[in-house]
Amino acid sequence: MAQTTDKKTDVLNLRLDPALAAEIQRIAEWRGSTASEIARELMRNGVTVERQLQAQELHRTYENSKIDRDPERGYLKIEACWAFYTPRELNERDAQLSEWEESRR
């Protein structure tokens, strides 16, 4: 029995400065993708970074929980690398997928 899924999409119109639009287009051409796909991926990555900053704030004392993002006092440091799944991680992911598929039956 085939299952159908409802695709829900939200539209967000953004105004990009010319330099940012050109950079997104450059990345899209380099990776052989569309500017829209690249922009979505970059936004997902940005959300991940923001969540990590929020987690960092939650580890601080209540009085000092919010990080003052004043550029005169500090900067956002991002260290990124591509990490391939380990065999263990692949096995865990496959097991989770199998469990999920079983629960859907």
C-alpha atoms as a PDB file:
ATOM      1  CA  MET A   1       0.000   0.000   0.000  1.00  0.00           C
ATOM      2  CA  ALA A   2       1.553   3.259  -1.111  1.00  0.00           C
ATOM      3  CA  GLN A   3       1.639   6.064   1.365  1.00  0.00           C
ATOM      4  CA  THR A   4       1.155   9.652   0.357  1.00  0.00           C
ATOM      5  CA  THR A   5       2.746  12.537   2.097  1.00  0.00           C
ATOM      6  CA  ASP A   6       1.567  16.099   2.186  1.00  0.00           C
ATOM      7  CA  LYS A   7       4.344  18.412   1.142  1.00  0.00           C
ATOM      8  CA  LYS A   8       4.123  21.662   2.998  1.00  0.00           C
ATOM      9  CA  THR A   9       6.282  24.538   1.980  1.00  0.00           C
ATOM     10  CA  ASP A  10       6.666  28.012   3.339  1.00  0.00           C
ATOM     11  CA  VAL A  11       7.860  30.867   1.234  1.00  0.00           C
ATOM     12  CA  LEU A  12      10.228  33.414   2.684  1.00  0.00           C
ATOM     13  CA  ASN A  13      11.139  36.377   0.536  1.00  0.00           C
ATOM     14  CA  LEU A  14      14.541  37.829   1.354  1.00  0.00           C
ATOM     15  CA  ARG A  15      16.356  40.831   0.040  1.00  0.00           C
ATOM     16  CA  LEU A  16      19.991  39.942  -0.511  1.00  0.00           C
ATOM     17  CA  ASP A  17      22.739  42.429  -1.021  1.00  0.00           C
ATOM     18  CA  PRO A  18      24.519  41.950  -4.364  1.00  0.00           C
ATOM     19  CA  ALA A  19      27.661  40.476  -2.792  1.00  0.00           C
ATOM     20  CA  LEU A  20      25.716  37.784  -0.910  1.00  0.00           C
ATOM     21  CA  ALA A  21      23.572  36.936  -3.945  1.00  0.00           C
ATOM     22  CA  ALA A  22      26.721  36.615  -6.066  1.00  0.00           C
ATOM     23  CA  GLU A  23      28.357  34.357  -3.472  1.00  0.00           C
ATOM     24  CA  ILE A  24      25.317  32.074  -3.328  1.00  0.00           C
ATOM     25  CA  GLN A  25      25.299  31.885  -7.121  1.00  0.00           C
ATOM     26  CA  ARG A  26      29.049  31.145  -7.170  1.00  0.00           C
ATOM     27  CA  ILE A  27      28.607  28.289  -4.691  1.00  0.00           C
ATOM     28  CA  ALA A  28      25.655  26.936  -6.669  1.00  0.00           C
ATOM     29  CA  GLU A  29      27.680  26.862  -9.887  1.00  0.00           C
ATOM     30  CA  TRP A  30      30.673  25.288  -8.142  1.00  0.00           C
ATOM     31  CA  ARG A  31      28.496  22.538  -6.647  1.00  0.00           C
ATOM     32  CA  GLY A  32      26.280  22.065  -9.703  1.00  0.00           C
ATOM     33  CA  SER A  33      23.111  23.022  -7.861  1.00  0.00           C
ATOM     34  CA  THR A  34      20.562  25.815  -7.913  1.00  0.00           C
ATOM     35  CA  ALA A  35      20.910  29.028  -5.966  1.00  0.00           C
ATOM     36  CA  SER A  36      17.654  28.176  -4.145  1.00  0.00           C
ATOM     37  CA  GLU A  37      18.961  24.781  -3.009  1.00  0.00           C
ATOM     38  CA  ILE A  38      22.212  26.336  -1.818  1.00  0.00           C
ATOM     39  CA  ALA A  39      20.373  29.128   0.019  1.00  0.00           C
ATOM     40  CA  ARG A  40      18.175  26.541   1.803  1.00  0.00           C
ATOM     41  CA  GLU A  41      21.226  24.517   2.796  1.00  0.00           C
ATOM     42  CA  LEU A  42      23.045  27.604   4.056  1.00  0.00           C
ATOM     43  CA  MET A  43      19.992  28.584   6.105  1.00  0.00           C
ATOM     44  CA  ARG A  44      19.807  25.078   7.621  1.00  0.00           C
ATOM     45  CA  ASN A  45      23.489  25.346   8.528  1.00  0.00           C
ATOM     46  CA  GLY A  46      22.892  28.786  10.035  1.00  0.00           C
ATOM     47  CA  VAL A  47      20.047  27.417  12.153  1.00  0.00           C
ATOM     48  CA  THR A  48      22.373  24.660  13.381  1.00  0.00           C
ATOM     49  CA  VAL A  49      24.950  27.265  14.399  1.00  0.00           C
ATOM     50  CA  GLU A  50      22.300  29.311  16.209  1.00  0.00           C
ATOM     51  CA  ARG A  51      21.114  26.222  18.097  1.00  0.00           C
ATOM     52  CA  GLN A  52      24.683  25.516  19.173  1.00  0.00           C
ATOM     53  CA  LEU A  53      24.984  29.089  20.469  1.00  0.00           C
ATOM     54  CA  GLN A  54      21.718  28.686  22.366  1.00  0.00           C
ATOM     55  CA  ALA A  55      23.000  25.441  23.886  1.00  0.00           C
ATOM     56  CA  GLN A  56      26.158  27.286  24.914  1.00  0.00           C
ATOM     57  CA  GLU A  57      24.005  29.916  26.625  1.00  0.00           C
ATOM     58  CA  LEU A  58      22.010  27.237  28.457  1.00  0.00           C
ATOM     59  CA  HIS A  59      25.226  25.905  29.989  1.00  0.00           C
ATOM     60  CA  ARG A  60      26.009  29.285  31.507  1.00  0.00           C
ATOM     61  CA  THR A  61      24.774  30.497  34.892  1.00  0.00           C
ATOM     62  CA  TYR A  62      21.320  32.055  34.906  1.00  0.00           C
ATOM     63  CA  GLU A  63      22.666  35.542  35.588  1.00  0.00           C
ATOM     64  CA  ASN A  64      25.067  35.355  32.637  1.00  0.00           C
ATOM     65  CA  SER A  65      23.128  33.067  30.322  1.00  0.00           C
ATOM     66  CA  LYS A  66      22.698  35.410  27.374  1.00  0.00           C
ATOM     67  CA  ILE A  67      25.828  35.951  25.342  1.00  0.00           C
ATOM     68  CA  ASP A  68      26.406  39.593  24.527  1.00  0.00           C
ATOM     69  CA  ARG A  69      27.063  39.470  20.793  1.00  0.00           C
ATOM     70  CA  ASP A  70      28.700  42.863  20.712  1.00  0.00           C
ATOM     71  CA  PRO A  71      31.257  42.828  17.864  1.00  0.00           C
ATOM     72  CA  GLU A  72      33.532  45.049  19.961  1.00  0.00           C
ATOM     73  CA  ARG A  73      33.852  42.257  22.544  1.00  0.00           C
ATOM     74  CA  GLY A  74      33.966  39.102  20.445  1.00  0.00           C
ATOM     75  CA  TYR A  75      33.104  37.356  17.199  1.00  0.00           C
ATOM     76  CA  LEU A  76      31.347  34.260  15.964  1.00  0.00           C
ATOM     77  CA  LYS A  77      33.898  31.516  15.391  1.00  0.00           C
ATOM     78  CA  ILE A  78      32.779  28.709  13.114  1.00  0.00           C
ATOM     79  CA  GLU A  79      34.934  25.663  12.468  1.00  0.00           C
ATOM     80  CA  ALA A  80      33.554  23.351   9.813  1.00  0.00           C
ATOM     81  CA  CYS A  81      34.697  20.157   8.172  1.00  0.00           C
ATOM     82  CA  TRP A  82      32.958  17.376   6.293  1.00  0.00           C
ATOM     83  CA  ALA A  83      32.754  14.237   8.407  1.00  0.00           C
ATOM     84  CA  PHE A  84      31.967  10.880   6.856  1.00  0.00           C
ATOM     85  CA  TYR A  85      29.800   8.495   8.859  1.00  0.00           C
ATOM     86  CA  THR A  86      31.670   5.796  10.721  1.00  0.00           C
ATOM     87  CA  PRO A  87      30.525   2.190  10.230  1.00  0.00           C
ATOM     88  CA  ARG A  88      29.001   2.315  13.721  1.00  0.00           C
ATOM     89  CA  GLU A  89      27.046   5.469  12.908  1.00  0.00           C
ATOM     90  CA  LEU A  90      25.793   3.921   9.667  1.00  0.00           C
ATOM     91  CA  ASN A  91      24.643   0.804  11.548  1.00  0.00           C
ATOM     92  CA  GLU A  92      22.872   2.943  14.167  1.00  0.00           C
ATOM     93  CA  ARG A  93      21.186   5.007  11.458  1.00  0.00           C
ATOM     94  CA  ASP A  94      20.062   1.865   9.623  1.00  0.00           C
ATOM     95  CA  ALA A  95      18.705   0.385  12.863  1.00  0.00           C
ATOM     96  CA  GLN A  96      16.754   3.568  13.616  1.00  0.00           C
ATOM     97  CA  LEU A  97      15.342   3.592  10.100  1.00  0.00           C
ATOM     98  CA  SER A  98      14.307  -0.058  10.412  1.00  0.00           C
ATOM     99  CA  GLU A  99      12.609   0.643  13.743  1.00  0.00           C
ATOM    100  CA  TRP A 100      10.793   3.610  12.250  1.00  0.00           C
ATOM    101  CA  GLU A 101       9.657   1.554   9.241  1.00  0.00           C
ATOM    102  CA  GLU A 102       8.402  -1.210  11.568  1.00  0.00           C
ATOM    103  CA  SER A 103       6.429   1.300  13.616  1.00  0.00           C
ATOM    104  CA  ARG A 104       4.745   2.618  10.456  1.00  0.00           C
ATOM    105  CA  ARG A 105       3.335  -0.809   9.521  1.00  0.00           C
END
